[in-house]
C-alpha cells in the first residue's frame, strides 16, 4: 500500500488501496517521525470512510506516544487555521479533496497550517521500514475531542474581521455536499449577504454533484445564479481548499481570471510577488506585471506554492486548479476566504463581475486528461521530455514538461493525486491552439505506447 504516498499527501480508494490497518501504521509512522511526543491535531472531511480512517490514525498516534486533539469534521482551511493559531507539533486531516467518493486520504500539516513536502517522503520511509515507536500501556498518548463549533466560530470570526463590504450582495453557494456546507452559507449570511444554496447538506456520498467543481458539473449553479439575479455564484470542492466562481451571466470563470482579480485586491494592500503554478494562463504574467508585480513560477501543489511564497515573500498565490493563497494575511490556501474577498471586490465595484471579467484579456485554452497508471505516468512524461528535446524545443521542467513559444505554450504533467496525465495548451489564436494541442497529445500517446 505504500504507493498511496504521493508528492504531498496520502490518497487511495478506501479498503482497496488505503484501509484502517494502513491508517494505524500511518499514525505510528507520523508519531515515530515526530519522536513519539508532542500534540497532533486531527480532523476529517465528510466522506463515508473518513471517521474510520481518522480513528485508526489516532490509534497509531497515541500508541506511539503523541497526544491527539480531534477537531471533528470541517473544511481544510479551517483546520489549517486552527493549527496556525494553536500550539501543535503537527496536524493530520483525513481528506481526499476533489477525488471521487470512494477515495480517502491523509494530509500531514506543519504547525503553521501548510502541508508536509519533503517530510511526507520521510514519513513514508518510516512507514516502509516499519520500525515504529510503541509505548508501554501506561505511557500512551492522550486523546481529547474539541468542540467543532468552537473551532469553526474562531475561523469565521477571523475571516469576517478581515473583510468589509460596501453593499450587500446576492450570492449562490454550492458546497457540493462537502465540508464547506457547514461553514460558507452561514459565513456569507453573517456578512449581510442574501444567500441561496444548493448541495449545502454535508453528505459523504456527494449526491448533488462530483466533489471536483468544473465545467459540466455546475449547470445548476450557473442556472440559479442567473435566475435569482445573483452577483456571483461559488462552488467549492470536497474540502473547500478550491473555489470556482460563476459571474452574474452564469459563466464559469477560469481560475486564473479570478486569480488576477484577487491579485489586484491584494496589491491594494501590499504590492509584490505572486507565485503561480506552471499550468497557469498567460494572463497571470501579463496582468501581474501590468499591476507592477512579479510572477514566480512553481510546480503544482499547495505545499510547493506555500514554500515558494515563504521563500520569496509573495503576497498572493494562484493555481490553475482553483486554489488561491491570500498570503498577505494567512500562510495557506483558502477557497472560502477567497470567495469572501471576491464578494468584497464586487461590493466596491460599480461594474458587475461579468464586466470585470470582460475587461480582462482572454486566450483560447484547453485542458485534457489521459488515463495512465501511477507506476507508469512519470516515465511517460520523461519520455515526452526526451522526445521534445531531441526535436529542438526549449523545455521547462519545473513540473512535467512545458514548452513556451512566442504565441502560446503547452504542458504535459503527471497528476500528483490520480492515475492520469494532464495536458494543457493555450495560444493567442484558435489555429495555434489546435496545433500545440496536437503536438502535445501525439507525443504523449507515442510514449504511452512505448512504455
Protein backbone atom coordinates (compact mmCIF):
# COMPACT_ATOMS: atom_id res chain seq x y z
CA UNK A 1 0.00 0.00 0.00
CA UNK A 2 3.00 2.33 0.15
CA UNK A 3 2.21 3.59 -3.38
CA UNK A 4 -0.60 5.71 -1.90
CA UNK A 5 2.08 8.08 -0.54
CA UNK A 6 2.09 10.80 -3.19
CA UNK A 7 4.04 14.01 -3.66
CA UNK A 8 2.36 15.86 -0.81
CA UNK A 9 -0.28 13.61 0.70
CA UNK A 10 -1.62 10.07 1.02
CA UNK A 11 -4.54 9.13 -1.18
CA UNK A 12 -6.31 6.00 -2.41
CA UNK A 13 -9.60 4.11 -2.72
CA UNK A 14 -10.83 3.07 0.71
CA UNK A 15 -10.49 -0.64 1.51
CA UNK A 16 -8.74 -1.23 -1.80
CA UNK A 17 -5.63 0.94 -1.57
CA UNK A 18 -5.98 2.51 1.87
CA UNK A 19 -7.75 0.85 4.81
CA UNK A 20 -7.96 1.10 8.59
CA UNK A 21 -4.89 -1.08 9.12
CA UNK A 22 -2.86 1.18 6.84
CA UNK A 23 -4.13 4.21 8.74
CA UNK A 24 -2.96 2.82 12.10
CA UNK A 25 0.51 2.33 10.61
CA UNK A 26 0.40 5.83 9.10
CA UNK A 27 -0.32 7.21 12.56
CA UNK A 28 2.54 5.18 14.02
CA UNK A 29 4.83 6.42 11.24
CA UNK A 30 3.95 10.09 11.79
CA UNK A 31 4.33 9.79 15.56
CA UNK A 32 7.66 7.99 15.18
CA UNK A 33 8.83 10.74 12.80
CA UNK A 34 7.86 13.28 15.48
CA UNK A 35 9.87 11.40 18.12
CA UNK A 36 6.86 9.90 19.88
CA UNK A 37 5.94 13.12 21.68
CA UNK A 38 4.05 16.35 21.20
CA UNK A 39 0.43 17.14 20.40
CA UNK A 40 -1.08 16.42 16.99
CA UNK A 41 -4.42 17.83 15.80
CA UNK A 42 -6.63 15.62 13.64
CA UNK A 43 -9.74 16.33 11.61
CA UNK A 44 -11.71 14.93 8.70
CA UNK A 45 -13.86 15.72 5.68
CA UNK A 46 -17.41 14.45 5.08
CA UNK A 47 -16.62 11.16 3.31
CA UNK A 48 -18.25 7.96 4.49
CA UNK A 49 -14.87 6.40 5.31
CA UNK A 50 -13.28 9.43 6.96
CA UNK A 51 -14.36 8.74 10.54
CA UNK A 52 -12.91 5.20 10.34
CA UNK A 53 -9.63 6.45 8.89
CA UNK A 54 -9.33 9.23 11.47
CA UNK A 55 -9.98 6.88 14.38
CA UNK A 56 -7.39 4.41 13.08
CA UNK A 57 -4.88 7.24 12.57
CA UNK A 58 -5.48 8.41 16.15
CA UNK A 59 -4.89 4.88 17.46
CA UNK A 60 -1.48 4.82 15.78
CA UNK A 61 -0.53 8.29 17.00
CA UNK A 62 -1.46 7.60 20.62
CA UNK A 63 0.16 4.15 20.58
CA UNK A 64 3.48 5.80 19.71
CA UNK A 65 3.15 8.40 22.47
CA UNK A 66 1.72 11.51 20.77
CA UNK A 67 -1.18 13.35 22.37
CA UNK A 68 -4.09 13.90 19.99
CA UNK A 69 -6.81 16.54 19.78
CA UNK A 70 -9.57 15.75 17.26
CA UNK A 71 -11.46 18.80 15.99
CA UNK A 72 -14.07 16.83 14.02
CA UNK A 73 -15.50 17.40 10.54
CA UNK A 74 -14.52 20.73 8.99
CA UNK A 75 -13.07 22.33 5.83
CA UNK A 76 -9.32 22.02 5.48
CA UNK A 77 -8.79 25.83 5.56
CA UNK A 78 -10.50 25.90 8.99
CA UNK A 79 -8.30 23.02 10.12
CA UNK A 80 -5.20 24.83 8.85
CA UNK A 81 -6.30 27.99 10.64
CA UNK A 82 -6.73 26.08 13.90
CA UNK A 83 -3.20 24.68 13.59
CA UNK A 84 -1.78 28.11 12.74
CA UNK A 85 -3.40 29.70 15.78
CA UNK A 86 -2.78 26.73 18.10
CA UNK A 87 0.20 25.08 19.74
CA UNK A 88 0.63 21.80 17.91
CA UNK A 89 3.64 19.85 16.77
CA UNK A 90 1.80 18.76 13.60
CA UNK A 91 -1.62 18.11 12.12
CA UNK A 92 -3.22 15.28 10.16
CA UNK A 93 -6.53 15.73 8.35
CA UNK A 94 -8.38 12.90 6.64
CA UNK A 95 -9.49 14.17 3.25
CA UNK A 96 -9.44 13.16 -0.39
CA UNK A 97 -10.18 16.73 -1.52
CA UNK A 98 -11.72 16.71 -5.01
CA UNK A 99 -11.35 12.97 -5.69
CA UNK A 100 -14.44 10.78 -6.29
CA UNK A 101 -16.43 9.49 -3.26
CA UNK A 102 -14.69 6.06 -2.95
CA UNK A 103 -11.37 7.77 -2.23
CA UNK A 104 -9.92 8.70 1.13
CA UNK A 105 -6.66 10.37 2.08
CA UNK A 106 -4.45 11.77 4.82
CA UNK A 107 -2.73 15.13 4.67
CA UNK A 108 0.01 15.90 7.18
CA UNK A 109 0.38 19.54 8.15
CA UNK A 110 3.02 21.73 9.72
CA UNK A 111 2.25 23.87 12.78
CA UNK A 112 1.59 26.89 10.53
CA UNK A 113 -1.16 25.01 8.63
CA UNK A 114 0.87 24.41 5.47
CA UNK A 115 1.44 20.89 4.19
CA UNK A 116 4.33 18.47 4.51
CA UNK A 117 6.57 18.30 1.41
CA UNK A 118 9.95 16.60 1.99
CA UNK A 119 8.58 15.49 5.38
CA UNK A 120 5.97 13.41 3.56
CA UNK A 121 8.75 11.34 1.99
CA UNK A 122 10.46 11.00 5.35
CA UNK A 123 7.25 9.72 6.97
CA UNK A 124 6.93 7.27 4.08
CA UNK A 125 10.44 5.98 4.79
CA UNK A 126 9.46 5.34 8.41
CA UNK A 127 6.30 3.59 7.24
CA UNK A 128 8.19 1.32 4.83
CA UNK A 129 10.85 0.38 7.39
CA UNK A 130 8.15 -0.46 9.92
CA UNK A 131 10.36 0.38 12.89
CA UNK A 132 7.81 2.28 14.97
CA UNK A 133 7.90 3.68 18.46
CA UNK A 134 5.40 1.74 20.56
CA UNK A 135 4.81 3.00 24.10
CA UNK A 136 4.02 0.88 27.13
CA UNK A 137 0.44 0.68 28.29
CA UNK A 138 0.97 3.43 30.89
CA UNK A 139 2.94 5.74 28.56
CA UNK A 140 0.42 6.12 25.74
CA UNK A 141 -0.51 9.49 24.30
CA UNK A 142 -3.73 11.13 25.49
CA UNK A 143 -6.80 11.72 23.33
CA UNK A 144 -9.26 14.61 23.50
CA UNK A 145 -12.10 15.80 21.29
CA UNK A 146 -12.59 19.52 20.79
CA UNK A 147 -15.98 21.06 20.05
CA UNK A 148 -16.01 21.61 16.28
CA UNK A 149 -18.41 24.54 16.63
CA UNK A 150 -15.84 26.37 18.77
CA UNK A 151 -13.12 25.76 16.17
CA UNK A 152 -15.36 26.97 13.34
CA UNK A 153 -16.55 30.03 15.27
CA UNK A 154 -12.95 31.18 15.71
CA UNK A 155 -12.29 30.69 11.99
CA UNK A 156 -15.46 32.52 10.94
CA UNK A 157 -14.79 35.44 13.29
CA UNK A 158 -11.26 35.83 11.95
CA UNK A 159 -12.41 35.91 8.32
CA UNK A 160 -15.19 38.40 9.00
CA UNK A 161 -12.74 40.67 10.80
CA UNK A 162 -10.64 40.78 7.64
CA UNK A 163 -13.25 41.69 5.04
CA UNK A 164 -15.55 44.65 4.64
CA UNK A 165 -18.41 45.21 2.23
CA UNK A 166 -19.70 48.47 0.82
CA UNK A 167 -23.07 46.97 -0.10
CA UNK A 168 -24.88 43.68 0.46
CA UNK A 169 -24.73 41.20 -2.40
CA UNK A 170 -26.85 38.32 -3.56
CA UNK A 171 -24.80 35.13 -3.88
CA UNK A 172 -25.43 31.50 -4.75
CA UNK A 173 -23.25 28.95 -2.96
CA UNK A 174 -22.73 25.32 -3.97
CA UNK A 175 -20.63 23.46 -1.38
CA UNK A 176 -21.26 20.23 -3.28
CA UNK A 177 -22.39 18.49 -0.05
CA UNK A 178 -18.78 18.81 1.12
CA UNK A 179 -17.14 20.29 4.18
CA UNK A 180 -17.94 23.90 3.22
CA UNK A 181 -21.64 23.13 3.74
CA UNK A 182 -21.35 23.75 7.47
CA UNK A 183 -19.41 27.00 7.13
CA UNK A 184 -19.74 29.03 3.93
CA UNK A 185 -23.53 29.75 3.85
CA UNK A 186 -23.60 30.94 7.47
CA UNK A 187 -20.44 33.00 6.94
CA UNK A 188 -21.94 34.88 3.98
CA UNK A 189 -25.21 35.42 5.83
CA UNK A 190 -23.34 36.88 8.80
CA UNK A 191 -21.61 39.20 6.35
CA UNK A 192 -25.02 40.58 5.40
CA UNK A 193 -25.43 38.77 2.08
CA UNK A 194 -28.62 37.35 0.60
CA UNK A 195 -27.63 33.70 0.21
CA UNK A 196 -29.13 30.99 -1.99
CA UNK A 197 -27.70 27.49 -1.64
CA UNK A 198 -27.65 24.18 -3.46
CA UNK A 199 -25.97 20.97 -2.31
CA UNK A 200 -25.48 22.53 1.12
CA UNK A 201 -26.04 19.48 3.34
CA UNK A 202 -22.90 17.52 4.32
CA UNK A 203 -23.12 14.10 2.68
CA UNK A 204 -20.14 11.85 2.03
CA UNK A 205 -21.82 10.19 -0.94
CA UNK A 206 -21.84 13.58 -2.76
CA UNK A 207 -25.33 13.05 -4.23
CA UNK A 208 -25.63 16.51 -5.81
CA UNK A 209 -22.53 16.59 -7.98
CA UNK A 210 -18.95 15.39 -8.21
CA UNK A 211 -16.70 16.81 -5.44
CA UNK A 212 -14.49 18.27 -8.19
CA UNK A 213 -16.24 21.50 -9.33
CA UNK A 214 -15.62 22.18 -13.01
CA UNK A 215 -17.29 22.77 -16.36
CA UNK A 216 -20.03 20.17 -16.81
CA UNK A 217 -20.74 19.70 -13.09
CA UNK A 218 -22.00 23.19 -12.25
CA UNK A 219 -25.01 23.58 -14.56
CA UNK A 220 -27.43 24.01 -11.66
CA UNK A 221 -25.25 26.68 -10.05
CA UNK A 222 -24.94 28.54 -13.34
CA UNK A 223 -28.71 28.48 -13.96
CA UNK A 224 -29.63 29.53 -10.43
CA UNK A 225 -27.11 32.39 -10.37
CA UNK A 226 -28.83 33.91 -13.40
CA UNK A 227 -32.37 33.01 -12.31
CA UNK A 228 -32.18 34.80 -8.95
CA UNK A 229 -30.16 37.75 -10.29
CA UNK A 230 -27.17 36.97 -8.11
CA UNK A 231 -23.96 39.00 -8.18
CA UNK A 232 -21.92 35.79 -8.23
CA UNK A 233 -22.02 32.07 -7.64
CA UNK A 234 -19.36 29.99 -5.89
CA UNK A 235 -18.69 26.24 -5.90
CA UNK A 236 -16.29 24.52 -3.51
CA UNK A 237 -14.58 21.18 -3.78
CA UNK A 238 -14.94 18.41 -1.20
CA UNK A 239 -12.79 20.03 1.50
CA UNK A 240 -13.08 23.69 0.40
CA UNK A 241 -9.48 24.44 -0.45
CA UNK A 242 -10.69 25.17 -4.01
CA UNK A 243 -13.26 27.71 -5.16
CA UNK A 244 -14.79 28.09 -8.61
CA UNK A 245 -16.59 31.33 -9.45
CA UNK A 246 -19.62 31.98 -11.66
CA UNK A 247 -20.39 35.52 -12.81
CA UNK A 248 -23.79 37.24 -12.98
CA UNK A 249 -24.26 35.96 -16.53
CA UNK A 250 -23.82 32.37 -15.41
CA UNK A 251 -20.35 31.94 -16.88
CA UNK A 252 -17.70 29.92 -15.09
CA UNK A 253 -14.54 31.96 -14.55
CA UNK A 254 -11.21 30.42 -15.34
CA UNK A 255 -9.27 30.20 -12.06
CA UNK A 256 -6.52 32.43 -13.47
CA UNK A 257 -9.11 35.10 -14.32
CA UNK A 258 -10.47 35.01 -10.78
CA UNK A 259 -6.88 34.94 -9.56
CA UNK A 260 -5.79 38.15 -11.25
CA UNK A 261 -8.91 39.90 -9.95
CA UNK A 262 -7.92 38.81 -6.45
CA UNK A 263 -4.30 39.87 -7.06
CA UNK A 264 -5.50 43.39 -7.82
CA UNK A 265 -7.12 43.48 -4.40
CA UNK A 266 -4.02 42.01 -2.74
CA UNK A 267 -1.84 44.68 -4.38
CA UNK A 268 -4.07 47.39 -2.93
CA UNK A 269 -2.81 46.18 0.45
CA UNK A 270 0.80 45.44 -0.49
CA UNK A 271 2.37 45.21 -3.93
CA UNK A 272 4.90 42.44 -4.54
CA UNK A 273 5.46 38.98 -5.94
CA UNK A 274 2.81 36.44 -6.94
CA UNK A 275 3.51 32.70 -7.02
CA UNK A 276 1.70 30.80 -9.78
CA UNK A 277 1.95 27.22 -10.89
CA UNK A 278 3.29 26.39 -14.33
CA UNK A 279 -0.15 25.40 -15.63
CA UNK A 280 -1.48 28.95 -15.33
CA UNK A 281 -2.64 31.06 -18.25
CA UNK A 282 -0.51 33.75 -19.91
CA UNK A 283 -2.85 36.37 -18.45
CA UNK A 284 -1.33 35.89 -15.00
CA UNK A 285 2.08 37.14 -16.06
CA UNK A 286 0.60 39.90 -18.24
CA UNK A 287 -1.70 41.31 -15.56
CA UNK A 288 0.63 40.92 -12.59
CA UNK A 289 3.41 42.76 -14.43
CA UNK A 290 0.93 45.41 -15.61
CA UNK A 291 0.00 45.97 -11.95
CA UNK A 292 3.66 46.39 -11.04
CA UNK A 293 4.28 42.94 -9.59
CA UNK A 294 6.41 39.94 -10.48
CA UNK A 295 5.42 36.31 -11.10
CA UNK A 296 7.38 33.43 -9.59
CA UNK A 297 6.63 30.12 -11.33
CA UNK A 298 6.35 26.95 -9.26
CA UNK A 299 5.24 23.33 -9.61
CA UNK A 300 1.64 22.28 -8.97
CA UNK A 301 0.66 21.56 -5.37
CA UNK A 302 -0.17 23.57 -2.28
CA UNK A 303 2.98 22.52 -0.42
CA UNK A 304 5.21 23.81 -3.23
CA UNK A 305 3.26 27.05 -3.67
CA UNK A 306 3.33 27.83 0.06
CA UNK A 307 7.07 27.13 0.28
CA UNK A 308 7.70 29.45 -2.67
CA UNK A 309 5.51 32.12 -1.08
CA UNK A 310 7.60 31.95 2.09
CA UNK A 311 10.88 31.95 0.16
CA UNK A 312 10.01 34.98 -1.97
CA UNK A 313 7.80 36.88 0.48
CA UNK A 314 4.95 36.79 -2.03
CA UNK A 315 1.64 38.49 -1.30
CA UNK A 316 -0.55 36.06 -3.24
CA UNK A 317 -0.55 32.65 -4.90
CA UNK A 318 -2.63 31.18 -7.75
CA UNK A 319 -3.10 27.67 -9.04
CA UNK A 320 -4.90 26.85 -12.28
CA UNK A 321 -6.95 24.28 -10.36
CA UNK A 322 -8.76 26.94 -8.34
CA UNK A 323 -6.50 27.23 -5.28
CA UNK A 324 -5.95 30.80 -4.05
CA UNK A 325 -3.35 31.82 -1.47
CA UNK A 326 -4.08 35.18 0.20
CA UNK A 327 -0.63 35.21 1.78
CA UNK A 328 -0.85 38.88 2.70
CA UNK A 329 -2.90 37.53 5.63
CA UNK A 330 -2.63 33.73 6.00
CA UNK A 331 0.11 31.25 5.00
CA UNK A 332 -2.12 28.65 3.28
CA UNK A 333 -4.75 28.40 0.54
CA UNK A 334 -8.39 29.02 1.41
CA UNK A 335 -11.30 28.72 -1.01
CA UNK A 336 -13.77 30.16 1.48
CA UNK A 337 -11.73 33.28 2.26
CA UNK A 338 -11.06 33.73 -1.47
CA UNK A 339 -14.81 33.79 -2.12
CA UNK A 340 -15.33 36.41 0.60
CA UNK A 341 -12.57 38.52 -0.96
CA UNK A 342 -14.25 38.25 -4.36
CA UNK A 343 -17.52 39.40 -2.79
CA UNK A 344 -15.68 42.31 -1.16
CA UNK A 345 -14.28 43.37 -4.55
CA UNK A 346 -17.71 43.18 -6.24
CA UNK A 347 -19.29 45.22 -3.43
CA UNK A 348 -16.81 48.04 -4.10
CA UNK A 349 -17.01 47.96 -7.88
CA UNK A 350 -19.55 49.87 -9.89
CA UNK A 351 -19.23 47.17 -12.55
CA UNK A 352 -20.81 43.71 -12.24
CA UNK A 353 -18.45 40.75 -12.11
CA UNK A 354 -19.20 39.94 -15.76
CA UNK A 355 -17.93 43.38 -16.82
CA UNK A 356 -14.78 43.00 -14.69
CA UNK A 357 -14.14 39.67 -16.43
CA UNK A 358 -14.81 41.05 -19.91
CA UNK A 359 -12.32 43.84 -19.33
CA UNK A 360 -9.53 41.29 -18.81
CA UNK A 361 -7.60 39.60 -21.64
CA UNK A 362 -8.62 36.06 -22.55
CA UNK A 363 -6.95 33.48 -24.79
CA UNK A 364 -8.21 30.13 -26.04
CA UNK A 365 -7.08 27.40 -23.67
CA UNK A 366 -7.88 23.71 -23.41
CA UNK A 367 -7.20 21.02 -20.84
CA UNK A 368 -7.20 17.28 -21.47
CA UNK A 369 -6.63 14.31 -19.17
CA UNK A 370 -5.29 10.95 -20.30
CA UNK A 371 -5.56 7.88 -18.08
CA UNK A 372 -2.18 6.42 -17.16
CA UNK A 373 -1.27 4.07 -14.26
CA UNK A 374 0.56 5.57 -11.30
CA UNK A 375 3.55 3.27 -11.81
CA UNK A 376 3.92 4.40 -15.42
CA UNK A 377 2.85 8.05 -15.66
CA UNK A 378 6.15 9.69 -14.60
CA UNK A 379 8.17 7.52 -17.02
CA UNK A 380 5.80 8.51 -19.80
CA UNK A 381 6.28 12.21 -19.07
CA UNK A 382 10.06 11.69 -19.05
CA UNK A 383 9.73 10.11 -22.49
CA UNK A 384 7.79 13.13 -23.76
CA UNK A 385 10.54 15.39 -22.45
CA UNK A 386 13.26 13.39 -24.19
CA UNK A 387 11.35 13.37 -27.48
CA UNK A 388 10.70 17.12 -27.45
CA UNK A 389 14.30 17.89 -26.51
CA UNK A 390 15.51 15.83 -29.46
CA UNK A 391 13.15 17.84 -31.65
CA UNK A 392 14.88 21.06 -30.53
CA UNK A 393 12.25 22.55 -28.21
CA UNK A 394 13.31 24.55 -25.15
CA UNK A 395 11.86 22.69 -22.17
CA UNK A 396 10.81 23.95 -18.76
CA UNK A 397 10.86 21.03 -16.28
CA UNK A 398 9.75 22.76 -13.06
CA UNK A 399 6.74 20.44 -13.15
CA UNK A 400 6.33 18.00 -16.01
CA UNK A 401 7.23 19.24 -19.47
CA UNK A 402 6.33 22.78 -20.53
CA UNK A 403 7.12 24.28 -23.93
CA UNK A 404 6.78 28.06 -24.40
CA UNK A 405 6.58 29.69 -27.83
CA UNK A 406 6.01 33.29 -28.86
CA UNK A 407 2.29 32.83 -29.37
CA UNK A 408 1.41 30.02 -26.99
CA UNK A 409 2.51 27.17 -24.74
CA UNK A 410 1.62 23.68 -23.59
CA UNK A 411 2.41 21.48 -20.61
CA UNK A 412 2.33 17.71 -20.10
CA UNK A 413 2.45 16.68 -16.45
CA UNK A 414 1.59 13.65 -14.33
CA UNK A 415 -1.12 14.21 -11.74
CA UNK A 416 0.16 14.09 -8.17
CA UNK A 417 -3.13 12.69 -6.87
CA UNK A 418 -4.69 10.49 -9.59
CA UNK A 419 -3.60 7.87 -12.17
CA UNK A 420 -3.63 10.24 -15.12
CA UNK A 421 -1.60 12.74 -17.12
CA UNK A 422 -2.83 16.29 -17.67
CA UNK A 423 -2.25 18.25 -20.86
CA UNK A 424 -2.92 21.99 -21.00
CA UNK A 425 -2.38 24.24 -24.02
CA UNK A 426 -3.01 27.95 -24.58
CA UNK A 427 -2.41 30.18 -27.58
CA UNK A 428 -3.32 33.58 -28.93
CA UNK A 429 -5.31 32.07 -31.82
CA UNK A 430 -7.55 29.01 -32.16
CA UNK A 431 -5.43 27.75 -35.04
CA UNK A 432 -2.24 27.86 -32.98
CA UNK A 433 -4.01 26.22 -30.04
CA UNK A 434 -5.08 23.30 -32.20
CA UNK A 435 -1.51 22.88 -33.45
CA UNK A 436 0.03 22.94 -29.96
CA UNK A 437 -2.52 20.55 -28.54
CA UNK A 438 -1.94 18.07 -31.36
CA UNK A 439 1.81 18.25 -30.84
CA UNK A 440 1.45 17.55 -27.11
CA UNK A 441 -1.13 14.76 -27.39
CA UNK A 442 0.66 12.94 -30.20
CA UNK A 443 3.94 12.94 -28.25
CA UNK A 444 2.09 11.72 -25.17
CA UNK A 445 0.29 8.91 -26.99
CA UNK A 446 3.52 7.68 -28.59
CA UNK A 447 5.23 7.47 -25.23
CA UNK A 448 2.31 5.71 -23.56
CA UNK A 449 2.52 3.01 -26.23
CA UNK A 450 6.31 2.67 -25.81
CA UNK A 451 6.31 2.33 -22.05
